[in-house]
C-alpha cells in the first residue's frame, strides 16, 4: 500500500477555497488502484500562527498506481489553473505502509 501526502500551508483563515476545490471530484475515484482520499486540517499542535496547515492524503494499492495517476489527464485537470487563495506552499511526499493496525468493523 502507498500513501501520498501533500502538506499545504494556507494563510490563516483563508482555507475555504482550498477546501471547496478538494470537495469536488477530480475523477481520481475511477483510477486503478485508488483506495481513498482525505483532506485533513490541523486543529491542534505546535505550529505557525500565521498559517493553517492541511494534509491532502491519497491511498493507493501500489506506488505504481499513484505514479500512473500523476501521468493521467485527471491529474493534469486537477492541478491546472491558479492556486487556491491563500496557499503559501506545498510539500508533497510518498510513503509505503510498513506497519498497519486497526479495528475490523
N, C-alpha and C. Protein backbone atom coordinates (compact mmCIF):
# COMPACT_ATOMS: atom_id res chain seq x y z
N UNK A 1 0.84 -1.17 0.00
CA UNK A 1 0.00 0.00 0.00
C UNK A 1 0.89 1.24 0.00
N UNK A 2 0.44 2.28 -0.69
CA UNK A 2 1.20 3.52 -0.84
C UNK A 2 0.30 4.69 -0.48
N UNK A 3 0.82 5.64 0.30
CA UNK A 3 0.08 6.83 0.68
C UNK A 3 0.86 8.06 0.26
N UNK A 4 0.19 8.93 -0.50
CA UNK A 4 0.79 10.20 -0.93
C UNK A 4 0.19 11.30 -0.06
N UNK A 5 1.07 12.12 0.52
CA UNK A 5 0.63 13.20 1.40
C UNK A 5 1.22 14.50 0.89
N UNK A 6 0.37 15.51 0.77
CA UNK A 6 0.82 16.84 0.38
C UNK A 6 0.51 17.78 1.53
N UNK A 7 1.56 18.31 2.17
CA UNK A 7 1.41 19.27 3.27
C UNK A 7 1.24 20.65 2.66
N UNK A 8 0.09 21.27 2.91
CA UNK A 8 -0.23 22.55 2.29
C UNK A 8 -0.41 23.61 3.38
N UNK A 9 0.34 24.70 3.25
CA UNK A 9 0.21 25.82 4.19
C UNK A 9 -0.62 26.91 3.53
N UNK A 10 -1.59 27.44 4.29
CA UNK A 10 -2.52 28.45 3.79
C UNK A 10 -2.57 29.59 4.80
N UNK A 11 -2.60 30.83 4.31
CA UNK A 11 -2.73 31.97 5.19
C UNK A 11 -3.90 31.75 6.15
N UNK A 12 -3.66 32.00 7.43
CA UNK A 12 -4.66 31.75 8.48
C UNK A 12 -6.04 32.28 8.07
N UNK A 13 -7.05 31.40 8.12
CA UNK A 13 -8.42 31.78 7.84
C UNK A 13 -8.82 31.81 6.38
N UNK A 14 -7.89 31.48 5.46
CA UNK A 14 -8.20 31.56 4.03
C UNK A 14 -8.27 30.19 3.35
N UNK A 15 -8.58 29.16 4.10
CA UNK A 15 -8.59 27.81 3.54
C UNK A 15 -9.89 27.40 2.87
N UNK A 16 -10.91 28.25 2.91
CA UNK A 16 -12.21 27.88 2.36
C UNK A 16 -12.17 27.48 0.90
N UNK A 17 -11.47 28.26 0.08
CA UNK A 17 -11.40 27.93 -1.35
C UNK A 17 -10.68 26.61 -1.56
N UNK A 18 -9.62 26.37 -0.82
CA UNK A 18 -8.89 25.10 -0.92
C UNK A 18 -9.82 23.93 -0.57
N UNK A 19 -10.57 24.06 0.50
CA UNK A 19 -11.49 23.01 0.92
C UNK A 19 -12.56 22.76 -0.15
N UNK A 20 -13.08 23.83 -0.74
CA UNK A 20 -14.09 23.68 -1.79
C UNK A 20 -13.53 22.95 -3.01
N UNK A 21 -12.31 23.30 -3.40
CA UNK A 21 -11.70 22.63 -4.55
C UNK A 21 -11.53 21.14 -4.31
N UNK A 22 -11.04 20.79 -3.12
CA UNK A 22 -10.82 19.38 -2.82
C UNK A 22 -12.13 18.62 -2.65
N UNK A 23 -13.22 19.31 -2.32
CA UNK A 23 -14.52 18.67 -2.17
C UNK A 23 -15.09 18.23 -3.52
N UNK A 24 -14.62 18.83 -4.60
CA UNK A 24 -15.09 18.48 -5.94
C UNK A 24 -14.33 17.25 -6.45
N UNK A 25 -15.03 16.37 -7.11
CA UNK A 25 -14.41 15.17 -7.65
C UNK A 25 -13.49 15.53 -8.82
N UNK A 26 -12.32 14.93 -8.83
CA UNK A 26 -11.37 15.17 -9.92
C UNK A 26 -11.28 13.98 -10.87
N UNK A 27 -12.08 12.97 -10.63
CA UNK A 27 -12.01 11.76 -11.44
C UNK A 27 -11.07 10.71 -10.89
N UNK A 28 -10.43 11.02 -9.79
CA UNK A 28 -9.46 10.10 -9.19
C UNK A 28 -10.11 8.79 -8.75
N UNK A 29 -11.38 8.86 -8.35
CA UNK A 29 -12.06 7.67 -7.83
C UNK A 29 -12.13 6.53 -8.84
N UNK A 30 -12.10 6.85 -10.11
CA UNK A 30 -12.23 5.83 -11.16
C UNK A 30 -10.90 5.22 -11.58
N UNK A 31 -9.80 5.70 -11.03
CA UNK A 31 -8.49 5.23 -11.48
C UNK A 31 -8.11 3.91 -10.80
N UNK A 32 -7.43 3.04 -11.54
CA UNK A 32 -6.99 1.76 -10.98
C UNK A 32 -6.09 1.96 -9.76
N UNK A 33 -6.36 1.21 -8.72
CA UNK A 33 -5.51 1.25 -7.53
C UNK A 33 -5.89 2.31 -6.52
N UNK A 34 -6.78 3.25 -6.87
CA UNK A 34 -7.17 4.28 -5.91
C UNK A 34 -8.01 3.64 -4.81
N UNK A 35 -7.71 4.00 -3.56
CA UNK A 35 -8.45 3.45 -2.42
C UNK A 35 -9.22 4.55 -1.69
N UNK A 36 -8.54 5.66 -1.37
CA UNK A 36 -9.19 6.65 -0.52
C UNK A 36 -8.51 8.01 -0.62
N UNK A 37 -9.30 9.06 -0.42
CA UNK A 37 -8.79 10.43 -0.33
C UNK A 37 -9.30 11.06 0.96
N UNK A 38 -8.44 11.83 1.59
CA UNK A 38 -8.84 12.62 2.77
C UNK A 38 -8.12 13.95 2.73
N UNK A 39 -8.83 15.01 3.13
CA UNK A 39 -8.20 16.31 3.35
C UNK A 39 -8.31 16.59 4.84
N UNK A 40 -7.17 16.75 5.48
CA UNK A 40 -7.12 17.00 6.92
C UNK A 40 -6.72 18.45 7.18
N UNK A 41 -7.32 19.06 8.18
CA UNK A 41 -6.94 20.41 8.60
C UNK A 41 -6.41 20.30 10.02
N UNK A 42 -5.22 20.84 10.24
CA UNK A 42 -4.61 20.80 11.56
C UNK A 42 -5.40 21.69 12.51
N UNK A 43 -5.82 21.11 13.64
CA UNK A 43 -6.59 21.87 14.63
C UNK A 43 -5.95 21.82 16.01
N UNK A 44 -4.84 21.12 16.13
CA UNK A 44 -4.16 21.00 17.41
C UNK A 44 -2.68 20.76 17.17
N UNK A 45 -1.85 21.32 18.04
CA UNK A 45 -0.41 21.07 17.98
C UNK A 45 0.37 22.36 17.81
N UNK A 46 1.67 22.21 17.89
CA UNK A 46 2.55 23.36 17.71
C UNK A 46 2.61 23.73 16.25
N UNK A 47 2.87 24.98 15.98
CA UNK A 47 2.99 25.36 14.58
C UNK A 47 3.02 26.86 14.38
N UNK A 48 2.79 27.20 13.16
CA UNK A 48 2.88 28.57 12.68
C UNK A 48 1.57 29.32 12.98
N UNK A 49 1.68 30.44 13.70
CA UNK A 49 0.49 31.24 13.99
C UNK A 49 0.00 32.01 12.79
N UNK A 50 0.80 32.09 11.74
CA UNK A 50 0.45 32.86 10.55
C UNK A 50 -0.28 32.01 9.50
N UNK A 51 -0.28 30.70 9.67
CA UNK A 51 -0.81 29.84 8.61
C UNK A 51 -1.60 28.67 9.18
N UNK A 52 -2.56 28.21 8.39
CA UNK A 52 -3.26 26.96 8.66
C UNK A 52 -2.55 25.87 7.88
N UNK A 53 -2.60 24.65 8.38
CA UNK A 53 -1.94 23.54 7.70
C UNK A 53 -2.97 22.47 7.33
N UNK A 54 -2.87 22.01 6.09
CA UNK A 54 -3.72 20.94 5.58
C UNK A 54 -2.84 19.80 5.11
N UNK A 55 -3.37 18.58 5.20
CA UNK A 55 -2.73 17.42 4.60
C UNK A 55 -3.71 16.81 3.61
N UNK A 56 -3.30 16.75 2.36
CA UNK A 56 -4.07 16.06 1.33
C UNK A 56 -3.49 14.65 1.23
N UNK A 57 -4.32 13.64 1.50
CA UNK A 57 -3.83 12.27 1.54
C UNK A 57 -4.59 11.39 0.57
N UNK A 58 -3.85 10.70 -0.29
CA UNK A 58 -4.46 9.69 -1.14
C UNK A 58 -3.82 8.35 -0.82
N UNK A 59 -4.65 7.32 -0.79
CA UNK A 59 -4.18 5.97 -0.52
C UNK A 59 -4.35 5.14 -1.78
N UNK A 60 -3.30 4.40 -2.12
CA UNK A 60 -3.24 3.62 -3.36
C UNK A 60 -2.84 2.18 -3.07
N UNK A 61 -3.24 1.29 -3.94
CA UNK A 61 -2.85 -0.12 -3.82
C UNK A 61 -1.33 -0.27 -3.98
N UNK A 62 -0.72 0.59 -4.81
CA UNK A 62 0.73 0.49 -5.03
C UNK A 62 1.29 1.86 -5.45
N UNK A 63 2.58 1.99 -5.34
CA UNK A 63 3.25 3.21 -5.79
C UNK A 63 3.06 3.37 -7.30
N UNK A 64 3.06 2.27 -8.03
CA UNK A 64 2.88 2.31 -9.48
C UNK A 64 1.51 2.90 -9.85
N UNK A 65 0.48 2.58 -9.07
CA UNK A 65 -0.85 3.16 -9.31
C UNK A 65 -0.82 4.67 -9.09
N UNK A 66 -0.12 5.10 -8.05
CA UNK A 66 -0.01 6.55 -7.78
C UNK A 66 0.73 7.25 -8.92
N UNK A 67 1.84 6.68 -9.35
CA UNK A 67 2.61 7.28 -10.44
C UNK A 67 1.76 7.37 -11.71
N UNK A 68 0.97 6.35 -11.98
CA UNK A 68 0.08 6.38 -13.15
C UNK A 68 -0.91 7.55 -13.02
N UNK A 69 -1.43 7.79 -11.82
CA UNK A 69 -2.33 8.93 -11.57
C UNK A 69 -1.64 10.25 -11.92
N UNK A 70 -0.37 10.39 -11.52
CA UNK A 70 0.34 11.65 -11.76
C UNK A 70 0.58 11.90 -13.25
N UNK A 71 0.44 10.86 -14.07
CA UNK A 71 0.62 11.00 -15.52
C UNK A 71 -0.71 11.04 -16.28
N UNK A 72 -1.82 11.01 -15.54
CA UNK A 72 -3.14 10.93 -16.16
C UNK A 72 -3.70 12.31 -16.52
N UNK A 73 -4.68 12.29 -17.41
CA UNK A 73 -5.40 13.53 -17.75
C UNK A 73 -6.14 14.08 -16.53
N UNK A 74 -6.66 13.18 -15.69
CA UNK A 74 -7.37 13.61 -14.48
C UNK A 74 -6.45 14.41 -13.56
N UNK A 75 -5.20 13.98 -13.43
CA UNK A 75 -4.22 14.69 -12.61
C UNK A 75 -3.95 16.07 -13.20
N UNK A 76 -3.72 16.12 -14.51
CA UNK A 76 -3.45 17.41 -15.17
C UNK A 76 -4.61 18.38 -14.97
N UNK A 77 -5.83 17.86 -15.10
CA UNK A 77 -7.01 18.71 -14.92
C UNK A 77 -7.11 19.20 -13.48
N UNK A 78 -6.88 18.32 -12.53
CA UNK A 78 -7.00 18.68 -11.11
C UNK A 78 -5.95 19.70 -10.69
N UNK A 79 -4.81 19.72 -11.36
CA UNK A 79 -3.72 20.61 -10.97
C UNK A 79 -3.53 21.78 -11.93
N UNK A 80 -4.50 22.02 -12.80
CA UNK A 80 -4.39 23.14 -13.73
C UNK A 80 -5.00 24.39 -13.09
N UNK A 81 -4.69 25.51 -13.65
CA UNK A 81 -5.26 26.76 -13.15
C UNK A 81 -4.46 27.33 -12.00
N UNK A 82 -4.91 28.47 -11.51
CA UNK A 82 -4.18 29.15 -10.43
C UNK A 82 -4.36 28.43 -9.09
N UNK A 83 -3.42 28.69 -8.20
CA UNK A 83 -3.52 28.15 -6.85
C UNK A 83 -4.75 28.72 -6.15
N UNK A 84 -5.25 27.98 -5.19
CA UNK A 84 -6.35 28.47 -4.37
C UNK A 84 -5.88 29.68 -3.56
N UNK A 85 -6.80 30.56 -3.25
CA UNK A 85 -6.50 31.77 -2.49
C UNK A 85 -5.81 31.41 -1.17
N UNK A 86 -4.76 32.12 -0.85
CA UNK A 86 -4.09 31.97 0.43
C UNK A 86 -3.04 30.89 0.52
N UNK A 87 -2.89 30.07 -0.51
CA UNK A 87 -1.90 28.98 -0.44
C UNK A 87 -0.50 29.58 -0.43
N UNK A 88 0.26 29.24 0.59
CA UNK A 88 1.63 29.73 0.75
C UNK A 88 2.62 28.77 0.09
N UNK A 89 2.37 27.49 0.25
CA UNK A 89 3.27 26.49 -0.32
C UNK A 89 2.78 25.09 -0.04
N UNK A 90 3.40 24.13 -0.73
CA UNK A 90 3.02 22.73 -0.57
C UNK A 90 4.28 21.86 -0.62
N UNK A 91 4.26 20.78 0.15
CA UNK A 91 5.37 19.84 0.19
C UNK A 91 4.82 18.42 0.02
N UNK A 92 4.88 17.87 -1.19
CA UNK A 92 4.40 16.50 -1.41
C UNK A 92 5.45 15.45 -1.03
N UNK A 93 4.96 14.29 -0.60
CA UNK A 93 5.84 13.16 -0.29
C UNK A 93 5.02 11.88 -0.38
N UNK A 94 5.71 10.77 -0.61
CA UNK A 94 5.04 9.48 -0.70
C UNK A 94 5.59 8.50 0.32
N UNK A 95 4.72 7.64 0.82
CA UNK A 95 5.09 6.73 1.89
C UNK A 95 4.56 5.32 1.60
N UNK A 96 5.39 4.32 1.84
CA UNK A 96 4.97 2.92 1.80
C UNK A 96 4.51 2.55 3.20
N UNK A 97 3.41 1.84 3.32
CA UNK A 97 2.93 1.37 4.61
C UNK A 97 3.80 0.19 5.04
N UNK A 98 4.43 0.30 6.22
CA UNK A 98 5.30 -0.77 6.70
C UNK A 98 4.72 -1.48 7.93
N UNK A 99 3.85 -0.80 8.68
CA UNK A 99 3.15 -1.42 9.80
C UNK A 99 1.73 -0.87 9.77
N UNK A 100 0.77 -1.74 10.03
CA UNK A 100 -0.63 -1.30 10.00
C UNK A 100 -1.38 -2.01 11.11
N UNK A 101 -2.20 -1.24 11.83
CA UNK A 101 -3.07 -1.78 12.86
C UNK A 101 -4.44 -1.17 12.70
N UNK A 102 -5.44 -1.84 13.16
CA UNK A 102 -6.78 -1.28 13.08
C UNK A 102 -7.78 -2.20 13.74
N UNK A 103 -8.98 -1.69 13.82
CA UNK A 103 -10.09 -2.46 14.36
C UNK A 103 -10.96 -2.88 13.20
N UNK A 104 -11.20 -4.15 13.07
CA UNK A 104 -12.05 -4.63 11.98
C UNK A 104 -13.50 -4.33 12.31
N UNK A 105 -14.20 -3.81 11.32
CA UNK A 105 -15.61 -3.46 11.54
C UNK A 105 -16.50 -4.67 11.43
